[in-house]
Amino acid sequence: MRDVLDDLMRWWEKGETVGMGTVVATFQSAPRPPGASMLVGPDETAVGSVSGGCVEGAVYSLAQEVVESGAPVLQRYGVSDEDAFAVGLTCGGILDVWVERVNQETFPELGEVAADIDAGRPVALATVVDHPDPARIGHRLVVRPGHPATGTVGSARADDAVHDDALGLLASGANATLSYGPDGERRGEGMRVFVWAFAPKPRLLVFGAIDFAAAVAKVGAFLGYQVTVCDARPVFATHSRFPEADEVVVDWPHRYLTAESEAGRVDSRTVVTVLTHDPKFDVPLLQVALNLPELGYIGAMGSRRTHDDRLARLREAGVGEAEIARLSSPIGLDLGARTPEETAISIAAEIIAGRWGGSGQRLQTTEGRIHSSDSVT
């Protein structure tokens, strides 16, 4: 929903009605992740995508029917559906799409949820998409860390279970469909609840205000990261040199990362790229970074000679082998990159491969499933 939120809010604030289809579960090689949404506006405009083009036509028609009837629908598309070929899903994947009618009456919480998302405050939206009791389908629970939940998925017991699980999904930044018994029983079946976990953007910390950093910041912003460029030299660390960065910080890198960690502003989704090439900056910084187990990725740029010298300095500084093993150095995948932009793609490719367990090989040389996980952050 995040990708279509601006259009959704524009219609919602005007008091208009929108049909919205959302991917709530995927199996095999489905083209879009859980949480991907498509809108059918009051002017019959289609916004967003649930399948990259495979089933948009079918979802468009279903959304129009749902707007007319007011009854939400959970629809499965895929190779197990006899109509799969007719709707164009030839990629071999299966996806469940939740289609609902959205306006101020059916979704009064949307304004506050959208405000939280815009402000970067973590919020989770849990919706009952399947239940033996049709009256409970479409019920919602809004979960915010440190605050009581609002709304209900049908009972206090179910609210408690969904609340706890939604907090866990927020911590990992993942969307998921959860299964319970009809009254929220942990080991039961019958109730399915889709949770949108709108966590703040993951962070990309770029240390070293060099030309490669500008390219890394640009690619990072494109991938949806909150990008910070940090360098101790004010003449280089300027907003004009890094227009794609969300913030440019003038500080010693190791001091800045220490302060961010102590303030609780780094986590398992935080990516650290060290591009300084200067031992007086990168060795103290890596001493800090490699001893922060919560960081998701730590990479350092440099030649083979620079890499060897860096490892020797880290060992001399007392950094252990287990910590050094976390370091991706030289940074990036072997793409034959030459330019800053190509190098940034190489770095991004390694980050993505690490995040999802990819091999970094050409797909034509591999076998089995293309996507190694159905969970999405």
Protein backbone atom coordinates (compact mmCIF):
# COMPACT_ATOMS: atom_id res chain seq x y z
CA MET A 1 0.00 0.00 0.00
CA ARG A 2 2.90 2.36 0.60
CA ASP A 3 3.53 2.79 -3.15
CA VAL A 4 -0.05 3.88 -3.86
CA LEU A 5 -0.71 5.75 -0.63
CA ASP A 6 -0.59 9.26 -2.09
CA ASP A 7 -3.27 8.45 -4.68
CA LEU A 8 -5.32 6.54 -2.13
CA MET A 9 -5.27 9.44 0.32
CA ARG A 10 -6.18 11.95 -2.37
CA TRP A 11 -9.39 10.07 -3.11
CA TRP A 12 -10.06 9.19 0.55
CA GLU A 13 -9.76 12.80 1.69
CA LYS A 14 -12.29 13.83 -0.95
CA GLY A 15 -14.77 11.30 0.42
CA GLU A 16 -14.60 9.14 -2.68
CA THR A 17 -14.61 5.34 -2.90
CA VAL A 18 -11.71 3.27 -4.21
CA GLY A 19 -11.35 -0.42 -4.98
CA MET A 20 -8.05 -1.74 -3.63
CA GLY A 21 -6.45 -5.10 -4.32
CA THR A 22 -3.50 -6.18 -2.18
CA VAL A 23 -1.22 -9.21 -2.43
CA VAL A 24 -1.50 -10.92 0.97
CA ALA A 25 0.35 -14.17 0.25
CA THR A 26 2.61 -15.55 -2.48
CA PHE A 27 3.81 -19.02 -3.39
CA GLN A 28 6.57 -20.18 -5.74
CA SER A 29 7.71 -17.43 -8.14
CA ALA A 30 4.98 -14.83 -7.71
CA PRO A 31 6.10 -11.56 -9.33
CA ARG A 32 5.12 -9.08 -6.56
CA PRO A 33 5.58 -9.34 -2.78
CA PRO A 34 2.94 -9.33 -0.05
CA GLY A 35 1.79 -5.77 0.51
CA ALA A 36 1.88 -4.76 -3.16
CA SER A 37 -1.36 -2.93 -3.96
CA MET A 38 -3.41 -1.80 -6.93
CA LEU A 39 -6.15 0.84 -6.86
CA VAL A 40 -9.16 1.32 -9.07
CA GLY A 41 -10.18 4.94 -8.62
CA PRO A 42 -13.61 6.54 -8.86
CA ASP A 43 -12.63 7.74 -12.34
CA GLU A 44 -11.77 4.12 -13.28
CA THR A 45 -8.05 4.92 -13.19
CA ALA A 46 -5.76 2.01 -12.30
CA VAL A 47 -2.82 2.80 -10.02
CA GLY A 48 -0.14 0.37 -8.86
CA SER A 49 0.35 -3.31 -9.53
CA VAL A 50 -0.23 -6.67 -7.83
CA SER A 51 1.52 -8.91 -10.33
CA GLY A 52 3.62 -6.87 -12.72
CA GLY A 53 0.93 -7.21 -15.39
CA CYS A 54 -0.10 -10.87 -15.05
CA VAL A 55 -3.49 -10.55 -13.36
CA GLU A 56 -4.13 -6.81 -13.28
CA GLY A 57 -7.07 -7.08 -15.67
CA ALA A 58 -8.82 -9.65 -13.51
CA VAL A 59 -8.16 -7.70 -10.31
CA TYR A 60 -9.37 -4.50 -11.96
CA SER A 61 -12.71 -6.11 -12.80
CA LEU A 62 -13.02 -7.71 -9.36
CA ALA A 63 -12.28 -4.39 -7.66
CA GLN A 64 -15.10 -2.75 -9.60
CA GLU A 65 -17.46 -5.53 -8.47
CA VAL A 66 -16.36 -5.11 -4.85
CA VAL A 67 -16.91 -1.35 -4.99
CA GLU A 68 -20.40 -1.99 -6.27
CA SER A 69 -21.32 -4.74 -3.79
CA GLY A 70 -19.31 -3.54 -0.78
CA ALA A 71 -18.32 -7.15 0.06
CA PRO A 72 -14.55 -7.78 0.23
CA VAL A 73 -13.11 -10.81 -1.55
CA LEU A 74 -9.99 -12.96 -1.03
CA GLN A 75 -9.10 -14.31 -4.47
CA ARG A 76 -6.34 -16.74 -5.47
CA TYR A 77 -4.64 -16.52 -8.84
CA GLY A 78 -2.11 -18.97 -10.17
CA VAL A 79 -1.29 -22.25 -11.82
CA SER A 80 -3.75 -24.07 -9.55
CA ASP A 81 -6.58 -21.93 -10.88
CA GLU A 82 -8.26 -23.24 -14.05
CA ASP A 83 -8.51 -19.65 -15.21
CA ALA A 84 -4.78 -18.97 -14.71
CA PHE A 85 -3.92 -18.90 -18.38
CA ALA A 86 -6.91 -16.71 -19.14
CA VAL A 87 -5.69 -14.04 -16.74
CA GLY A 88 -2.14 -14.32 -18.01
CA LEU A 89 -0.26 -15.76 -15.01
CA THR A 90 2.29 -17.78 -16.97
CA CYS A 91 5.21 -17.32 -14.56
CA GLY A 92 4.27 -20.36 -12.47
CA GLY A 93 3.49 -18.42 -9.32
CA ILE A 94 0.44 -18.26 -7.09
CA LEU A 95 -0.80 -15.20 -5.26
CA ASP A 96 -3.68 -14.42 -2.94
CA VAL A 97 -5.18 -10.99 -3.48
CA TRP A 98 -7.43 -9.27 -0.95
CA VAL A 99 -9.83 -6.88 -2.67
CA GLU A 100 -11.78 -4.35 -0.62
CA ARG A 101 -13.81 -1.18 -0.87
CA VAL A 102 -12.00 1.79 0.69
CA ASN A 103 -13.55 5.07 1.74
CA GLN A 104 -13.91 7.11 4.92
CA GLU A 105 -16.75 4.90 6.13
CA THR A 106 -15.10 1.51 5.53
CA PHE A 107 -11.59 2.60 6.52
CA PRO A 108 -11.83 5.50 9.01
CA GLU A 109 -8.37 4.71 10.44
CA LEU A 110 -6.62 5.40 7.14
CA GLY A 111 -5.90 9.07 7.81
CA GLU A 112 -4.04 8.39 11.06
CA VAL A 113 -2.20 5.40 9.60
CA ALA A 114 -1.09 7.48 6.61
CA ALA A 115 0.12 10.24 8.95
CA ASP A 116 2.23 7.69 10.85
CA ILE A 117 3.73 6.37 7.61
CA ASP A 118 4.54 9.87 6.33
CA ALA A 119 6.19 10.77 9.65
CA GLY A 120 8.27 7.59 9.71
CA ARG A 121 6.53 6.29 12.82
CA PRO A 122 6.21 2.48 12.93
CA VAL A 123 2.64 1.29 12.55
CA ALA A 124 1.12 -2.06 11.62
CA LEU A 125 -2.31 -2.60 10.09
CA ALA A 126 -3.84 -6.05 10.62
CA THR A 127 -6.89 -7.04 8.56
CA VAL A 128 -8.97 -10.22 8.79
CA VAL A 129 -9.03 -11.59 5.24
CA ASP A 130 -10.56 -15.00 5.95
CA HIS A 131 -12.78 -16.31 8.76
CA PRO A 132 -15.56 -18.89 9.25
CA ASP A 133 -17.79 -16.03 10.42
CA PRO A 134 -18.30 -13.68 7.45
CA ALA A 135 -19.14 -10.85 9.84
CA ARG A 136 -15.53 -10.74 11.04
CA ILE A 137 -13.98 -10.51 7.59
CA GLY A 138 -12.52 -7.05 7.03
CA HIS A 139 -12.12 -6.20 10.73
CA ARG A 140 -8.93 -4.25 11.46
CA LEU A 141 -6.48 -3.74 14.30
CA VAL A 142 -3.95 -0.88 14.25
CA VAL A 143 -0.77 -1.58 16.22
CA ARG A 144 1.79 1.00 17.31
CA PRO A 145 4.79 0.16 19.53
CA GLY A 146 4.33 1.53 23.03
CA HIS A 147 0.65 2.35 22.54
CA PRO A 148 -2.60 0.43 23.01
CA ALA A 149 -3.95 -1.12 19.84
CA THR A 150 -7.02 0.42 18.24
CA GLY A 151 -9.80 -1.41 16.46
CA THR A 152 -10.40 -5.13 16.73
CA VAL A 153 -10.13 -8.35 14.76
CA GLY A 154 -13.15 -9.71 16.55
CA SER A 155 -12.29 -10.67 20.12
CA ALA A 156 -9.95 -9.76 22.96
CA ARG A 157 -8.11 -13.07 22.64
CA ALA A 158 -7.57 -12.62 18.92
CA ASP A 159 -6.57 -8.97 19.42
CA ASP A 160 -3.88 -9.97 21.91
CA ALA A 161 -2.41 -12.62 19.61
CA VAL A 162 -2.41 -10.41 16.53
CA HIS A 163 -1.04 -7.45 18.50
CA ASP A 164 1.99 -9.44 19.68
CA ASP A 165 2.71 -10.89 16.25
CA ALA A 166 2.30 -7.52 14.52
CA LEU A 167 4.91 -6.02 16.84
CA GLY A 168 7.29 -8.78 15.80
CA LEU A 169 6.67 -8.08 12.12
CA LEU A 170 7.27 -4.38 12.71
CA ALA A 171 10.63 -5.17 14.28
CA SER A 172 11.69 -7.07 11.17
CA GLY A 173 9.93 -4.81 8.67
CA ALA A 174 8.03 -7.73 7.13
CA ASN A 175 4.48 -8.06 5.79
CA ALA A 176 2.81 -11.43 6.31
CA THR A 177 -0.46 -13.35 6.46
CA LEU A 178 -0.87 -14.98 9.88
CA SER A 179 -3.09 -17.99 10.64
CA TYR A 180 -5.03 -18.60 13.86
CA GLY A 181 -7.99 -20.49 15.14
CA PRO A 182 -11.35 -18.70 14.80
CA ASP A 183 -10.86 -16.94 18.15
CA GLY A 184 -7.13 -16.28 17.82
CA GLU A 185 -5.93 -19.71 18.97
CA ARG A 186 -2.24 -20.08 18.21
CA ARG A 187 -2.45 -23.65 16.98
CA GLY A 188 -5.78 -23.40 15.25
CA GLU A 189 -6.86 -22.66 11.72
CA GLY A 190 -9.71 -20.78 10.16
CA MET A 191 -8.79 -17.13 10.66
CA ARG A 192 -6.23 -15.49 8.40
CA VAL A 193 -4.99 -12.00 9.16
CA PHE A 194 -2.84 -9.93 6.81
CA VAL A 195 -0.43 -7.55 8.52
CA TRP A 196 1.06 -4.56 6.77
CA ALA A 197 4.14 -3.62 8.79
CA PHE A 198 4.96 -0.03 7.97
CA ALA A 199 8.35 0.21 9.61
CA PRO A 200 10.61 3.20 8.91
CA LYS A 201 12.82 2.86 5.88
CA PRO A 202 15.97 0.79 6.34
CA ARG A 203 19.10 2.90 6.66
CA LEU A 204 22.10 3.11 4.36
CA LEU A 205 25.08 4.77 6.04
CA VAL A 206 27.69 5.88 3.49
CA PHE A 207 31.02 6.83 5.05
CA GLY A 208 33.42 8.78 2.87
CA ALA A 209 32.33 11.80 0.80
CA ILE A 210 33.90 10.70 -2.48
CA ASP A 211 32.51 10.41 -6.01
CA PHE A 212 31.66 6.74 -5.47
CA ALA A 213 29.60 7.77 -2.43
CA ALA A 214 27.34 9.95 -4.58
CA ALA A 215 26.57 6.99 -6.83
CA VAL A 216 25.98 4.67 -3.85
CA ALA A 217 23.65 7.24 -2.28
CA LYS A 218 21.67 7.51 -5.51
CA VAL A 219 21.25 3.75 -5.88
CA GLY A 220 20.42 3.41 -2.18
CA ALA A 221 17.69 6.02 -2.43
CA PHE A 222 16.29 4.22 -5.49
CA LEU A 223 16.15 0.98 -3.48
CA GLY A 224 14.16 2.67 -0.73
CA TYR A 225 16.84 3.30 1.89
CA GLN A 226 17.07 6.30 4.17
CA VAL A 227 20.51 7.48 3.07
CA THR A 228 23.06 9.26 5.25
CA VAL A 229 26.48 10.37 3.98
CA CYS A 230 29.04 11.04 6.70
CA ASP A 231 32.55 12.47 6.47
CA ALA A 232 34.74 14.43 8.86
CA ARG A 233 35.78 16.90 6.13
CA PRO A 234 33.24 19.73 5.75
CA VAL A 235 34.61 20.82 2.40
CA PHE A 236 33.53 17.48 0.89
CA ALA A 237 30.47 16.60 3.00
CA THR A 238 27.95 19.00 1.45
CA HIS A 239 24.35 18.62 0.34
CA SER A 240 25.20 19.99 -3.10
CA ARG A 241 27.57 17.06 -3.71
CA PHE A 242 25.05 14.48 -2.48
CA PRO A 243 21.58 15.59 -3.58
CA GLU A 244 20.19 12.05 -3.37
CA ALA A 245 21.09 11.67 0.33
CA ASP A 246 18.45 12.31 2.98
CA GLU A 247 21.11 13.83 5.23
CA VAL A 248 24.78 14.76 5.03
CA VAL A 249 26.66 14.72 8.33
CA VAL A 250 30.02 16.30 9.14
CA ASP A 251 31.54 14.18 11.90
CA TRP A 252 34.20 11.56 12.48
CA PRO A 253 32.65 8.34 11.14
CA HIS A 254 33.36 6.17 14.18
CA ARG A 255 31.97 8.82 16.52
CA TYR A 256 28.82 9.23 14.44
CA LEU A 257 28.13 5.48 14.22
CA THR A 258 28.70 5.07 17.96
CA ALA A 259 26.19 7.84 18.70
CA GLU A 260 23.62 6.38 16.31
CA SER A 261 23.96 2.97 17.92
CA GLU A 262 23.64 4.34 21.44
CA ALA A 263 20.53 6.25 20.38
CA GLY A 264 18.95 3.05 19.01
CA ARG A 265 18.88 4.29 15.43
CA VAL A 266 20.58 1.28 13.80
CA ASP A 267 19.19 -2.24 13.49
CA SER A 268 19.38 -5.45 11.48
CA ARG A 269 18.22 -3.62 8.34
CA THR A 270 20.99 -1.01 8.58
CA VAL A 271 23.64 -1.15 5.85
CA VAL A 272 27.11 0.34 6.39
CA THR A 273 29.39 1.12 3.43
CA VAL A 274 32.90 2.36 4.14
CA LEU A 275 34.34 4.16 1.12
CA THR A 276 37.04 6.28 2.75
CA HIS A 277 40.26 4.48 1.66
CA ASP A 278 41.98 6.14 4.62
CA PRO A 279 43.07 4.07 7.66
CA LYS A 280 42.64 6.95 10.08
CA PHE A 281 38.94 6.99 9.19
CA ASP A 282 38.03 3.44 8.24
CA VAL A 283 39.90 1.43 10.89
CA PRO A 284 38.30 3.19 13.92
CA LEU A 285 34.95 3.08 12.11
CA LEU A 286 35.20 -0.63 11.35
CA GLN A 287 36.23 -1.34 14.94
CA VAL A 288 32.89 0.12 15.99
CA ALA A 289 30.82 -1.39 13.16
CA LEU A 290 32.15 -4.92 13.43
CA ASN A 291 31.33 -4.97 17.14
CA LEU A 292 27.69 -4.00 16.52
CA PRO A 293 25.98 -7.36 15.93
CA GLU A 294 22.70 -5.69 14.99
CA LEU A 295 24.06 -4.28 11.72
CA GLY A 296 22.79 -6.12 8.66
CA TYR A 297 25.73 -5.47 6.30
CA ILE A 298 29.20 -3.97 6.58
CA GLY A 299 31.27 -3.42 3.45
CA ALA A 300 34.52 -1.58 2.82
CA MET A 301 35.97 -0.38 -0.48
CA GLY A 302 39.58 -0.78 -1.48
CA SER A 303 42.11 -2.71 -3.51
CA ARG A 304 43.42 -6.11 -2.50
CA ARG A 305 46.47 -4.40 -1.01
CA THR A 306 44.27 -1.96 0.90
CA HIS A 307 42.15 -4.86 2.10
CA ASP A 308 45.16 -6.78 3.41
CA ASP A 309 46.53 -3.71 5.16
CA ARG A 310 43.11 -2.98 6.65
CA LEU A 311 42.77 -6.49 8.06
CA ALA A 312 46.23 -6.29 9.61
CA ARG A 313 45.36 -2.98 11.28
CA LEU A 314 42.04 -4.34 12.57
CA ARG A 315 43.72 -7.39 14.08
CA GLU A 316 46.37 -5.17 15.61
CA ALA A 317 43.58 -3.08 17.13
CA GLY A 318 42.14 -6.20 18.76
CA VAL A 319 39.25 -7.01 16.45
CA GLY A 320 38.56 -10.75 16.56
CA GLU A 321 38.33 -13.15 13.63
CA ALA A 322 34.60 -13.73 14.15
CA GLU A 323 33.99 -10.00 13.82
CA ILE A 324 36.31 -9.65 10.83
CA ALA A 325 34.39 -12.44 9.09
CA ARG A 326 31.37 -10.13 8.97
CA LEU A 327 33.23 -7.66 6.77
CA SER A 328 32.55 -7.63 3.02
CA SER A 329 35.86 -6.43 1.64
CA PRO A 330 36.64 -5.62 -1.08
CA ILE A 331 33.05 -4.44 -1.25
CA GLY A 332 30.60 -5.58 -3.93
CA LEU A 333 30.10 -8.42 -6.38
CA ASP A 334 32.44 -9.12 -9.29
CA LEU A 335 30.58 -7.39 -12.11
CA GLY A 336 33.68 -5.96 -13.77
CA ALA A 337 32.54 -2.49 -12.64
CA ARG A 338 34.69 0.50 -13.57
CA THR A 339 32.71 3.70 -13.08
CA PRO A 340 31.27 4.97 -9.77
CA GLU A 341 27.79 4.14 -11.03
CA GLU A 342 28.74 0.61 -12.03
CA THR A 343 30.51 0.13 -8.70
CA ALA A 344 27.39 1.30 -6.87
CA ILE A 345 25.38 -1.36 -8.72
CA SER A 346 27.98 -3.94 -7.68
CA ILE A 347 27.65 -2.90 -4.04
CA ALA A 348 23.85 -2.89 -4.21
CA ALA A 349 23.88 -6.34 -5.79
CA GLU A 350 25.91 -7.74 -2.90
CA ILE A 351 23.58 -6.13 -0.35
CA ILE A 352 20.51 -7.58 -2.07
CA ALA A 353 22.10 -11.03 -2.38
CA GLY A 354 22.97 -11.00 1.32
CA ARG A 355 19.51 -9.87 2.30
CA TRP A 356 17.70 -12.62 0.43
CA GLY A 357 20.31 -15.38 0.35
CA GLY A 358 21.12 -15.01 -3.33
CA SER A 359 24.19 -16.66 -4.83
CA GLY A 360 25.24 -13.80 -7.09
CA GLN A 361 25.41 -16.21 -10.04
CA ARG A 362 23.73 -15.76 -13.40
CA LEU A 363 20.20 -17.17 -13.19
CA GLN A 364 20.68 -19.15 -16.38
CA THR A 365 23.38 -21.20 -14.62
CA THR A 366 21.19 -22.04 -11.61
CA GLU A 367 18.24 -24.34 -11.09
CA GLY A 368 15.22 -24.41 -8.80
CA ARG A 369 13.22 -21.47 -7.51
CA ILE A 370 14.28 -17.98 -8.48
CA HIS A 371 13.05 -16.45 -5.23
CA SER A 372 14.51 -18.07 -2.13
CA SER A 373 11.94 -16.64 0.30
CA ASP A 374 8.31 -15.62 0.24
CA SER A 375 8.70 -13.17 3.14
CA VAL A 376 9.22 -9.55 2.28
CA THR A 377 10.63 -6.61 4.24
